[in-house]
Protein backbone atom coordinates (compact mmCIF):
# COMPACT_ATOMS: atom_id res chain seq x y z
CA MET A 1 0.98 4.07 46.67
CA THR A 2 -1.02 7.15 47.05
CA ALA A 3 -4.54 7.75 45.63
CA THR A 4 -3.35 10.14 43.05
CA THR A 5 -0.65 7.76 41.83
CA ALA A 6 -3.15 4.86 41.58
CA ALA A 7 -5.64 6.88 39.57
CA ALA A 8 -2.82 8.10 37.32
CA SER A 9 -1.53 4.51 36.61
CA ARG A 10 -5.24 3.26 36.04
CA LEU A 11 -5.51 6.17 33.51
CA LEU A 12 -2.51 5.16 31.75
CA VAL A 13 -3.38 1.51 31.49
CA ARG A 14 -6.74 2.57 30.00
CA ALA A 15 -5.39 5.10 27.72
CA ARG A 16 -3.49 2.49 25.69
CA THR A 17 -4.78 2.33 21.94
CA GLY A 18 -3.18 -0.85 20.91
CA GLY A 19 -1.16 0.80 18.18
CA PRO A 20 1.86 -0.90 16.20
CA GLN A 21 4.09 -1.32 19.37
CA ASP A 22 1.61 -3.83 20.55
CA ASP A 23 1.71 -6.14 17.44
CA GLU A 24 3.37 -9.49 17.79
CA GLN A 25 6.09 -10.70 15.67
CA GLY A 26 4.07 -13.17 13.74
CA PRO A 27 1.63 -10.75 11.84
CA LYS A 28 4.53 -8.41 11.23
CA LEU A 29 6.73 -10.95 9.65
CA LEU A 30 3.66 -12.34 7.58
CA GLU A 31 2.92 -8.85 6.32
CA HIS A 32 6.73 -8.36 5.35
CA VAL A 33 6.82 -11.53 3.42
CA LEU A 34 3.56 -10.87 1.72
CA GLY A 35 4.74 -7.41 0.78
CA TRP A 36 8.09 -8.59 -0.76
CA THR A 37 6.08 -11.40 -2.47
CA LEU A 38 3.82 -8.72 -4.09
CA VAL A 39 7.00 -6.75 -5.31
CA VAL A 40 8.66 -9.76 -6.89
CA LEU A 41 5.27 -10.71 -8.85
CA LEU A 42 4.86 -7.06 -10.00
CA ALA A 43 8.44 -7.20 -11.21
CA VAL A 44 7.92 -10.40 -13.08
CA PHE A 45 4.72 -9.02 -14.69
CA VAL A 46 6.37 -5.97 -15.77
CA THR A 47 9.43 -7.67 -17.32
CA ARG A 48 7.15 -10.28 -19.08
CA ALA A 49 5.03 -7.48 -20.47
CA GLY A 50 8.13 -5.92 -22.08
CA LEU A 51 7.66 -2.61 -19.99
CA MET A 52 11.14 -2.68 -18.78
């Protein structure tokens, strides 16, 4: 490995921001389930209030 390749790879490792692609499946699944739960509860409240 040359010096420039080593420096470039080190910068690439440092430049990672920890965006959505780094999330694990657990929190993503929990967020999905909680989102659908909120949608269902909102639908129940709307129909019980007679708004639909």
